[in-house]
Amino acid sequence: MRVCLASTSPARLMLLQQFGIRPLTVAPDVDEEAVIAAVEASEGRILAPDEHVLLLARRKAADVAARLADDIPDFDGIVIGGDSMFELNGEVLGKPHLAARARERWLAMRGQTGVLHSGHAVVRITPDSAPHEVHAVAEAAVTFASDVSDDEIDAYVATGEPLQVAGAFTVDSLGGAFITHIAGDPSTVVGMSVSTLRALVRELGVSWTDLWHTVDPSVRQGHAEL
């Protein structure tokens, strides 16, 4: 059973590898801001965080699945798409990108609990058959230490780690020391809920254990070009 991760996120790739899966990785060609803007304009409302991440996860998986069907006609396996957003006190916090913004967020998150929303979409592809997709959203509540000092925040921001991740934190690297509690599947905070993925794979009639130690011959250093 072949596996393709519709992402080049190092965290998502590492997560699957830790659970025994060696996927092909392909970057989805999806303009995330344009997709969200178009749907919100057509529906006349702002998408809730769970709707936001699920929409993008589905679009990413669909884009890569269509390209695989064209470029690797004999591909027989699954495509996994994902997206994440962090919500704190009703405000959605994406990637801060800037150090000053990351610092502001950490000052606001200190001692607080927020929710990480993670969208998942899995597409089953078989040669000469229409793709079949299933999807779900997982959530995990994250509580940050109340005694994180300003100096610790400054040092963490200076590493650059929080600048390119949703919510400006990680749980599986330097930021993990400042998190005191996670309610929900911990892997959700890394980028994907593995328990949710397993349930979706089972919906498609695929055994999770059939994905273990999958090595795609076209993988080169964890990535492939289409």
Protein backbone atom coordinates (compact mmCIF):
# COMPACT_ATOMS: atom_id res chain seq x y z
CA MET A 1 0.00 0.00 0.00
CA ARG A 2 1.62 3.24 -1.17
CA VAL A 3 1.27 6.45 0.82
CA CYS A 4 1.60 10.05 -0.34
CA LEU A 5 1.67 12.98 2.06
CA ALA A 6 0.22 16.08 0.39
CA SER A 7 2.65 18.31 2.22
CA THR A 8 6.35 19.03 2.55
CA SER A 9 6.00 19.87 6.25
CA PRO A 10 9.00 18.35 8.06
CA ALA A 11 6.88 17.91 11.20
CA ARG A 12 4.14 15.94 9.43
CA LEU A 13 6.69 13.82 7.59
CA MET A 14 8.58 13.07 10.80
CA LEU A 15 5.33 12.20 12.57
CA LEU A 16 4.37 9.60 9.95
CA GLN A 17 7.89 8.19 9.98
CA GLN A 18 7.74 7.81 13.76
CA PHE A 19 4.61 5.69 13.30
CA GLY A 20 6.28 3.41 10.77
CA ILE A 21 5.21 5.04 7.50
CA ARG A 22 7.62 6.21 4.82
CA PRO A 23 5.55 8.33 2.44
CA LEU A 24 6.16 10.00 -0.85
CA THR A 25 5.78 13.75 -0.24
CA VAL A 26 4.33 16.17 -2.76
CA ALA A 27 3.65 19.86 -2.17
CA PRO A 28 0.02 20.72 -2.99
CA ASP A 29 -0.55 23.56 -5.44
CA VAL A 30 -3.25 25.33 -3.43
CA ASP A 31 -3.54 29.08 -2.86
CA GLU A 32 -4.87 28.83 0.68
CA GLU A 33 -5.86 32.47 1.10
CA ALA A 34 -7.67 32.53 -2.24
CA VAL A 35 -9.55 29.31 -1.46
CA ILE A 36 -10.78 30.60 1.89
CA ALA A 37 -11.64 34.04 0.50
CA ALA A 38 -13.65 32.53 -2.37
CA VAL A 39 -15.68 30.22 -0.13
CA GLU A 40 -16.34 32.91 2.47
CA ALA A 41 -17.42 35.35 -0.25
CA SER A 42 -19.78 32.81 -1.82
CA GLU A 43 -21.33 31.88 1.53
CA GLY A 44 -21.33 35.40 2.96
CA ARG A 45 -19.75 34.42 6.25
CA ILE A 46 -16.46 33.75 8.00
CA LEU A 47 -15.58 30.07 8.22
CA ALA A 48 -15.19 28.63 11.70
CA PRO A 49 -11.70 27.23 12.46
CA ASP A 50 -12.80 23.61 12.05
CA GLU A 51 -14.39 24.42 8.68
CA HIS A 52 -11.29 26.36 7.62
CA VAL A 53 -8.80 23.55 8.30
CA LEU A 54 -11.05 20.87 6.82
CA LEU A 55 -11.59 22.81 3.61
CA LEU A 56 -7.86 23.29 3.09
CA ALA A 57 -7.00 19.70 4.00
CA ARG A 58 -9.50 18.44 1.43
CA ARG A 59 -8.28 20.80 -1.29
CA LYS A 60 -4.65 19.81 -0.70
CA ALA A 61 -5.40 16.08 -0.80
CA ALA A 62 -7.59 16.47 -3.90
CA ASP A 63 -4.95 18.48 -5.75
CA VAL A 64 -2.18 15.97 -5.13
CA ALA A 65 -4.45 12.98 -5.80
CA ALA A 66 -5.39 14.39 -9.21
CA ARG A 67 -1.75 14.98 -10.10
CA LEU A 68 -0.76 11.49 -9.01
CA ALA A 69 -3.52 9.99 -11.15
CA ASP A 70 -2.10 11.84 -14.17
CA ASP A 71 1.62 11.43 -13.52
CA ILE A 72 1.77 8.01 -11.84
CA PRO A 73 -1.16 6.08 -13.42
CA ASP A 74 -0.32 2.87 -11.55
CA PHE A 75 -0.36 4.54 -8.14
CA ASP A 76 -2.34 2.32 -5.76
CA GLY A 77 -2.59 3.74 -2.28
CA ILE A 78 -3.69 6.75 -0.26
CA VAL A 79 -3.05 10.49 -0.25
CA ILE A 80 -3.09 12.35 3.07
CA GLY A 81 -3.84 16.07 3.31
CA GLY A 82 -3.82 18.19 6.44
CA ASP A 83 -4.11 21.73 7.76
CA SER A 84 -3.93 23.28 11.23
CA MET A 85 -4.99 26.45 13.03
CA PHE A 86 -4.60 27.56 16.64
CA GLU A 87 -7.43 29.37 18.41
CA LEU A 88 -6.97 31.38 21.61
CA ASN A 89 -9.84 33.21 23.30
CA GLY A 90 -11.85 33.15 20.07
CA GLU A 91 -8.99 34.51 17.95
CA VAL A 92 -7.35 32.39 15.26
CA LEU A 93 -3.56 32.56 15.36
CA GLY A 94 -1.76 31.43 12.22
CA LYS A 95 1.96 31.54 11.53
CA PRO A 96 3.41 34.76 12.99
CA HIS A 97 6.28 35.03 10.48
CA LEU A 98 7.69 38.06 12.34
CA ALA A 99 9.62 37.88 15.61
CA ALA A 100 7.73 40.81 17.14
CA ARG A 101 4.41 39.15 16.39
CA ALA A 102 5.57 35.82 17.81
CA ARG A 103 6.63 37.57 21.02
CA GLU A 104 3.24 39.29 21.35
CA ARG A 105 1.48 35.96 20.96
CA TRP A 106 3.58 34.26 23.59
CA LEU A 107 2.90 37.06 26.05
CA ALA A 108 -0.82 36.56 25.37
CA MET A 109 -0.66 32.73 25.52
CA ARG A 110 1.31 32.55 28.77
CA GLY A 111 -0.83 30.80 31.39
CA GLN A 112 -3.70 30.36 28.91
CA THR A 113 -5.33 27.39 27.17
CA GLY A 114 -5.99 27.39 23.44
CA VAL A 115 -7.33 24.87 20.93
CA LEU A 116 -5.40 23.42 18.00
CA HIS A 117 -7.76 22.53 15.14
CA SER A 118 -6.40 19.99 12.67
CA GLY A 119 -8.15 19.03 9.43
CA HIS A 120 -7.52 15.64 7.80
CA ALA A 121 -8.45 14.30 4.38
CA VAL A 122 -7.50 10.89 3.03
CA VAL A 123 -8.04 9.91 -0.61
CA ARG A 124 -7.90 6.30 -1.77
CA ILE A 125 -6.52 5.99 -5.29
CA THR A 126 -6.58 2.86 -7.41
CA PRO A 127 -5.74 2.57 -11.12
CA ASP A 128 -8.75 2.99 -13.42
CA SER A 129 -11.11 3.78 -10.53
CA ALA A 130 -12.59 7.00 -9.21
CA PRO A 131 -10.90 8.31 -6.04
CA HIS A 132 -12.73 7.92 -2.72
CA GLU A 133 -12.21 10.54 -0.02
CA VAL A 134 -12.96 10.64 3.72
CA HIS A 135 -12.24 13.46 6.13
CA ALA A 136 -12.42 14.59 9.76
CA VAL A 137 -11.30 17.32 12.14
CA ALA A 138 -9.41 16.67 15.39
CA GLU A 139 -8.91 19.13 18.22
CA ALA A 140 -6.49 19.32 21.13
CA ALA A 141 -6.49 21.83 23.98
CA VAL A 142 -3.03 23.17 24.82
CA THR A 143 -2.19 24.83 28.15
CA PHE A 144 0.91 27.02 28.41
CA ALA A 145 2.96 27.46 31.57
CA SER A 146 2.09 30.56 33.55
CA ASP A 147 5.66 31.08 34.75
CA VAL A 148 7.31 31.45 31.34
CA SER A 149 9.53 34.50 31.76
CA ASP A 150 9.97 37.35 29.29
CA ASP A 151 13.60 36.28 28.88
CA GLU A 152 12.55 32.72 28.01
CA ILE A 153 10.07 34.04 25.46
CA ASP A 154 12.73 36.28 23.91
CA ALA A 155 15.21 33.40 23.75
CA TYR A 156 12.62 31.09 22.18
CA VAL A 157 11.59 33.64 19.58
CA ALA A 158 15.26 34.27 18.78
CA THR A 159 15.68 30.63 17.74
CA GLY A 160 13.27 31.26 14.86
CA GLU A 161 11.33 28.08 15.63
CA PRO A 162 7.96 29.71 16.39
CA LEU A 163 7.91 31.98 13.34
CA GLN A 164 6.70 29.44 10.76
CA VAL A 165 4.29 27.31 12.79
CA ALA A 166 0.60 27.78 13.56
CA GLY A 167 0.16 29.42 16.95
CA ALA A 168 3.88 30.23 17.24
CA PHE A 169 4.74 27.08 19.17
CA THR A 170 5.79 23.47 18.81
CA VAL A 171 5.22 20.60 21.22
CA ASP A 172 7.86 18.24 19.82
CA SER A 173 10.83 20.60 19.95
CA LEU A 174 12.02 23.63 21.93
CA GLY A 175 8.53 24.96 22.63
CA GLY A 176 7.44 21.76 24.35
CA ALA A 177 9.08 22.78 27.63
CA PHE A 178 6.64 25.68 27.98
CA ILE A 179 3.51 23.52 27.61
CA THR A 180 2.04 22.02 30.77
CA HIS A 181 -0.95 20.06 29.49
CA ILE A 182 -2.52 18.71 26.31
CA ALA A 183 -6.10 17.42 26.25
CA GLY A 184 -6.62 15.26 23.17
CA ASP A 185 -4.38 13.29 20.84
CA PRO A 186 -0.89 14.86 21.36
CA SER A 187 0.05 14.21 17.73
CA THR A 188 -2.68 16.68 16.74
CA VAL A 189 -0.45 19.46 18.03
CA VAL A 190 2.45 18.23 15.91
CA GLY A 191 0.38 18.56 12.74
CA MET A 192 -1.92 15.56 12.38
CA SER A 193 -3.89 13.33 14.72
CA VAL A 194 -2.56 9.85 14.04
CA SER A 195 -5.54 8.22 15.76
CA THR A 196 -7.85 10.22 13.47
CA LEU A 197 -5.84 9.17 10.42
CA ARG A 198 -6.10 5.54 11.46
CA ALA A 199 -9.89 5.82 11.73
CA LEU A 200 -10.13 7.44 8.30
CA VAL A 201 -7.89 4.80 6.72
CA ARG A 202 -10.13 2.09 8.18
CA GLU A 203 -13.17 3.84 6.65
CA LEU A 204 -11.50 3.33 3.28
CA GLY A 205 -11.13 -0.39 3.93
CA VAL A 206 -7.37 -0.18 4.47
CA SER A 207 -5.61 -1.69 7.46
CA TRP A 208 -3.35 0.78 9.26
CA THR A 209 -0.69 -1.89 9.65
CA ASP A 210 -0.51 -2.25 5.86
CA LEU A 211 1.00 1.25 5.82
CA TRP A 212 3.91 0.40 8.08
CA HIS A 213 7.39 0.68 6.62
CA THR A 214 6.07 1.77 3.24
CA VAL A 215 8.95 2.90 1.05
CA ASP A 216 8.10 4.44 -2.31
CA PRO A 217 10.83 3.79 -4.91
CA SER A 218 10.53 7.33 -6.23
CA VAL A 219 11.32 8.89 -2.86
CA ARG A 220 14.59 10.80 -2.79
CA GLN A 221 15.48 12.16 0.66
CA GLY A 222 11.81 12.14 1.62
CA HIS A 223 10.59 14.11 -1.38
CA ALA A 224 9.56 13.51 -4.97
CA GLU A 225 8.93 15.74 -7.92
CA LEU A 226 5.96 15.37 -10.25
